[in-house]
Amino acid sequence: MRKAYKGFDNMAFQLATIQQQLQAAQEDLERARGRKRRRVEIDPNKAFAGINEIRRAQRLAAGEDITDSEFSEEEDSETASCIDVAI
């Protein structure tokens, strides 16, 4: 009987160890997949996307709810914090 109990204990230990390894591997896989990318919507009158459009796309890809008023305030604060350097 002791051998049977010992065998069941070993099997339970191995099962718990394998489950932990599987969970760790699944977490690593999720981290390796990374975030989904979202296309940056740019103004057709501009040649390149601005930082505000890029940040907006990143927030939308992260699943955050964004209103247009947040970006209009952000644009004003970023414009005011610009420093012009003459060379």
N, C-alpha and C. Protein backbone atom coordinates (compact mmCIF):
# COMPACT_ATOMS: atom_id res chain seq x y z
N MET A 1 0.80 -1.19 0.00
CA MET A 1 0.00 0.00 0.00
C MET A 1 0.85 1.27 0.00
N ARG A 2 1.94 1.21 0.74
CA ARG A 2 2.80 2.40 0.81
C ARG A 2 3.33 2.77 -0.57
N LYS A 3 3.70 1.76 -1.33
CA LYS A 3 4.21 2.04 -2.67
C LYS A 3 3.13 2.68 -3.55
N ALA A 4 1.91 2.25 -3.39
CA ALA A 4 0.81 2.82 -4.17
C ALA A 4 0.60 4.28 -3.78
N TYR A 5 0.59 4.57 -2.48
CA TYR A 5 0.43 5.96 -2.02
C TYR A 5 1.59 6.83 -2.51
N LYS A 6 2.80 6.26 -2.42
CA LYS A 6 3.97 7.00 -2.87
C LYS A 6 3.89 7.28 -4.38
N GLY A 7 3.42 6.30 -5.14
CA GLY A 7 3.26 6.48 -6.58
C GLY A 7 2.24 7.56 -6.90
N PHE A 8 1.11 7.57 -6.18
CA PHE A 8 0.09 8.60 -6.39
C PHE A 8 0.61 9.98 -6.01
N ASP A 9 1.39 10.06 -4.93
CA ASP A 9 1.97 11.34 -4.53
C ASP A 9 2.93 11.86 -5.60
N ASN A 10 3.74 10.97 -6.13
CA ASN A 10 4.68 11.37 -7.20
C ASN A 10 3.93 11.85 -8.44
N MET A 11 2.85 11.13 -8.79
CA MET A 11 2.07 11.52 -9.96
C MET A 11 1.41 12.89 -9.73
N ALA A 12 0.89 13.13 -8.52
CA ALA A 12 0.26 14.42 -8.21
C ALA A 12 1.29 15.54 -8.26
N PHE A 13 2.49 15.27 -7.76
CA PHE A 13 3.55 16.27 -7.79
C PHE A 13 3.95 16.59 -9.23
N GLN A 14 4.11 15.56 -10.05
CA GLN A 14 4.47 15.76 -11.45
C GLN A 14 3.39 16.53 -12.19
N LEU A 15 2.13 16.21 -11.90
CA LEU A 15 1.02 16.90 -12.55
C LEU A 15 1.02 18.39 -12.17
N ALA A 16 1.23 18.69 -10.89
CA ALA A 16 1.26 20.09 -10.45
C ALA A 16 2.43 20.83 -11.08
N THR A 17 3.58 20.19 -11.18
CA THR A 17 4.75 20.80 -11.79
C THR A 17 4.52 21.09 -13.27
N ILE A 18 3.94 20.15 -13.97
CA ILE A 18 3.68 20.33 -15.40
C ILE A 18 2.64 21.42 -15.63
N GLN A 19 1.63 21.49 -14.77
CA GLN A 19 0.62 22.55 -14.89
C GLN A 19 1.24 23.93 -14.70
N GLN A 20 2.15 24.06 -13.74
CA GLN A 20 2.84 25.34 -13.53
C GLN A 20 3.69 25.70 -14.73
N GLN A 21 4.39 24.74 -15.30
CA GLN A 21 5.21 25.00 -16.48
C GLN A 21 4.35 25.41 -17.67
N LEU A 22 3.20 24.76 -17.82
CA LEU A 22 2.29 25.10 -18.90
C LEU A 22 1.76 26.53 -18.74
N GLN A 23 1.39 26.88 -17.53
CA GLN A 23 0.89 28.24 -17.28
C GLN A 23 1.97 29.28 -17.55
N ALA A 24 3.20 29.01 -17.12
CA ALA A 24 4.30 29.94 -17.38
C ALA A 24 4.57 30.06 -18.88
N ALA A 25 4.50 28.96 -19.61
CA ALA A 25 4.73 28.99 -21.05
C ALA A 25 3.62 29.78 -21.76
N GLN A 26 2.38 29.64 -21.30
CA GLN A 26 1.28 30.39 -21.90
C GLN A 26 1.44 31.89 -21.64
N GLU A 27 1.88 32.28 -20.45
CA GLU A 27 2.11 33.69 -20.15
C GLU A 27 3.24 34.25 -21.01
N ASP A 28 4.30 33.47 -21.19
CA ASP A 28 5.41 33.91 -22.05
C ASP A 28 4.93 34.09 -23.49
N LEU A 29 4.09 33.20 -23.95
CA LEU A 29 3.56 33.30 -25.31
C LEU A 29 2.71 34.55 -25.48
N GLU A 30 1.89 34.87 -24.50
CA GLU A 30 1.07 36.08 -24.56
C GLU A 30 1.94 37.33 -24.63
N ARG A 31 3.00 37.36 -23.82
CA ARG A 31 3.90 38.52 -23.84
C ARG A 31 4.66 38.60 -25.16
N ALA A 32 5.01 37.46 -25.73
CA ALA A 32 5.77 37.45 -26.98
C ALA A 32 4.92 37.90 -28.16
N ARG A 33 3.63 37.67 -28.10
CA ARG A 33 2.75 38.07 -29.19
C ARG A 33 2.69 39.58 -29.34
N GLY A 34 2.81 40.29 -28.26
CA GLY A 34 2.79 41.75 -28.31
C GLY A 34 1.40 42.29 -28.49
N ARG A 35 1.33 43.60 -28.67
CA ARG A 35 0.05 44.25 -28.84
C ARG A 35 -0.32 44.30 -30.31
N LYS A 36 -1.61 44.43 -30.54
CA LYS A 36 -2.06 44.57 -31.91
C LYS A 36 -1.73 45.97 -32.40
N ARG A 37 -1.46 46.07 -33.66
CA ARG A 37 -1.17 47.37 -34.25
C ARG A 37 -2.43 47.91 -34.91
N ARG A 38 -2.54 49.21 -34.90
CA ARG A 38 -3.68 49.87 -35.50
C ARG A 38 -3.16 50.91 -36.49
N ARG A 39 -3.83 51.04 -37.59
CA ARG A 39 -3.43 52.00 -38.61
C ARG A 39 -3.63 53.42 -38.08
N VAL A 40 -2.65 54.28 -38.31
CA VAL A 40 -2.72 55.67 -37.89
C VAL A 40 -3.51 56.44 -38.94
N GLU A 41 -4.60 57.05 -38.51
CA GLU A 41 -5.41 57.84 -39.43
C GLU A 41 -4.81 59.24 -39.52
N ILE A 42 -4.38 59.62 -40.73
CA ILE A 42 -3.76 60.94 -40.90
C ILE A 42 -4.67 61.82 -41.74
N ASP A 43 -4.44 63.09 -41.60
CA ASP A 43 -5.17 64.08 -42.38
C ASP A 43 -4.69 63.99 -43.83
N PRO A 44 -5.61 63.92 -44.79
CA PRO A 44 -5.18 63.80 -46.20
C PRO A 44 -4.39 65.01 -46.69
N ASN A 45 -4.47 66.12 -45.98
CA ASN A 45 -3.75 67.32 -46.39
C ASN A 45 -2.33 67.37 -45.83
N LYS A 46 -1.96 66.36 -45.03
CA LYS A 46 -0.62 66.31 -44.46
C LYS A 46 0.19 65.21 -45.12
N ALA A 47 1.49 65.40 -45.17
CA ALA A 47 2.36 64.39 -45.78
C ALA A 47 2.67 63.26 -44.79
N PHE A 48 2.79 63.58 -43.49
CA PHE A 48 3.16 62.59 -42.49
C PHE A 48 2.22 62.68 -41.30
N ALA A 49 2.14 61.62 -40.54
CA ALA A 49 1.32 61.60 -39.33
C ALA A 49 2.06 62.35 -38.23
N GLY A 50 1.31 63.11 -37.47
CA GLY A 50 1.88 63.83 -36.35
C GLY A 50 1.90 62.96 -35.10
N ILE A 51 2.58 63.44 -34.08
CA ILE A 51 2.70 62.68 -32.84
C ILE A 51 1.34 62.45 -32.19
N ASN A 52 0.44 63.42 -32.34
CA ASN A 52 -0.89 63.26 -31.73
C ASN A 52 -1.66 62.13 -32.39
N GLU A 53 -1.58 62.01 -33.71
CA GLU A 53 -2.27 60.92 -34.39
C GLU A 53 -1.69 59.57 -33.99
N ILE A 54 -0.38 59.53 -33.83
CA ILE A 54 0.29 58.28 -33.44
C ILE A 54 -0.12 57.90 -32.03
N ARG A 55 -0.11 58.84 -31.10
CA ARG A 55 -0.52 58.55 -29.72
C ARG A 55 -1.97 58.11 -29.66
N ARG A 56 -2.81 58.74 -30.46
CA ARG A 56 -4.23 58.36 -30.48
C ARG A 56 -4.38 56.91 -30.95
N ALA A 57 -3.67 56.53 -32.00
CA ALA A 57 -3.74 55.17 -32.50
C ALA A 57 -3.21 54.17 -31.47
N GLN A 58 -2.16 54.55 -30.73
CA GLN A 58 -1.63 53.66 -29.71
C GLN A 58 -2.64 53.47 -28.58
N ARG A 59 -3.30 54.54 -28.18
CA ARG A 59 -4.30 54.42 -27.12
C ARG A 59 -5.50 53.60 -27.57
N LEU A 60 -5.91 53.79 -28.82
CA LEU A 60 -7.03 52.99 -29.33
C LEU A 60 -6.65 51.52 -29.42
N ALA A 61 -5.41 51.23 -29.80
CA ALA A 61 -4.97 49.84 -29.88
C ALA A 61 -4.90 49.21 -28.50
N ALA A 62 -4.61 50.01 -27.48
CA ALA A 62 -4.57 49.51 -26.11
C ALA A 62 -5.95 49.32 -25.53
N GLY A 63 -6.97 49.81 -26.23
CA GLY A 63 -8.34 49.61 -25.77
C GLY A 63 -8.87 50.72 -24.90
N GLU A 64 -8.18 51.86 -24.87
CA GLU A 64 -8.64 52.98 -24.05
C GLU A 64 -9.73 53.75 -24.79
N ASP A 65 -10.67 54.27 -24.02
CA ASP A 65 -11.70 55.12 -24.60
C ASP A 65 -11.15 56.54 -24.71
N ILE A 66 -11.27 57.13 -25.88
CA ILE A 66 -10.68 58.44 -26.13
C ILE A 66 -11.74 59.36 -26.70
N THR A 67 -11.76 60.58 -26.19
CA THR A 67 -12.65 61.59 -26.75
C THR A 67 -11.81 62.61 -27.51
N ASP A 68 -12.44 63.32 -28.43
CA ASP A 68 -11.71 64.32 -29.22
C ASP A 68 -11.27 65.50 -28.37
N SER A 69 -11.99 65.80 -27.28
CA SER A 69 -11.62 66.94 -26.44
C SER A 69 -10.28 66.70 -25.74
N GLU A 70 -9.96 65.43 -25.45
CA GLU A 70 -8.67 65.13 -24.82
C GLU A 70 -7.53 65.50 -25.74
N PHE A 71 -7.70 65.24 -27.03
CA PHE A 71 -6.62 65.51 -27.97
C PHE A 71 -6.51 66.99 -28.30
N SER A 72 -7.59 67.71 -28.29
CA SER A 72 -7.48 69.14 -28.57
C SER A 72 -6.73 69.83 -27.44
N GLU A 73 -6.95 69.40 -26.19
CA GLU A 73 -6.21 69.96 -25.06
C GLU A 73 -4.75 69.55 -25.13
N GLU A 74 -4.51 68.32 -25.53
CA GLU A 74 -3.15 67.83 -25.61
C GLU A 74 -2.36 68.57 -26.69
N GLU A 75 -2.99 68.86 -27.80
CA GLU A 75 -2.31 69.59 -28.87
C GLU A 75 -1.90 70.97 -28.40
N ASP A 76 -2.79 71.66 -27.66
CA ASP A 76 -2.46 73.00 -27.17
C ASP A 76 -1.30 72.96 -26.20
N SER A 77 -1.29 71.98 -25.31
CA SER A 77 -0.22 71.91 -24.31
C SER A 77 1.11 71.55 -24.96
N GLU A 78 1.09 70.68 -25.98
CA GLU A 78 2.34 70.31 -26.64
C GLU A 78 2.89 71.46 -27.46
N THR A 79 2.03 72.23 -28.09
CA THR A 79 2.48 73.37 -28.88
C THR A 79 3.09 74.42 -27.98
N ALA A 80 2.51 74.61 -26.81
CA ALA A 80 3.01 75.61 -25.88
C ALA A 80 4.35 75.17 -25.27
N SER A 81 4.60 73.88 -25.19
CA SER A 81 5.83 73.41 -24.55
C SER A 81 6.97 73.23 -25.55
N CYS A 82 6.79 73.59 -26.81
CA CYS A 82 7.84 73.47 -27.81
C CYS A 82 8.93 74.52 -27.55
N ILE A 83 10.14 74.15 -27.80
CA ILE A 83 11.26 75.08 -27.65
C ILE A 83 11.95 75.17 -29.01
N ASP A 84 12.06 76.39 -29.54
CA ASP A 84 12.75 76.61 -30.81
C ASP A 84 14.21 76.86 -30.53
N VAL A 85 15.05 76.15 -31.26
CA VAL A 85 16.50 76.30 -31.08
C VAL A 85 17.08 76.78 -32.40
N ALA A 86 17.81 77.89 -32.33
CA ALA A 86 18.45 78.44 -33.53
C ALA A 86 19.86 77.90 -33.63
N ILE A 87 20.23 77.52 -34.83
CA ILE A 87 21.59 76.97 -35.02
C ILE A 87 22.38 77.93 -35.87
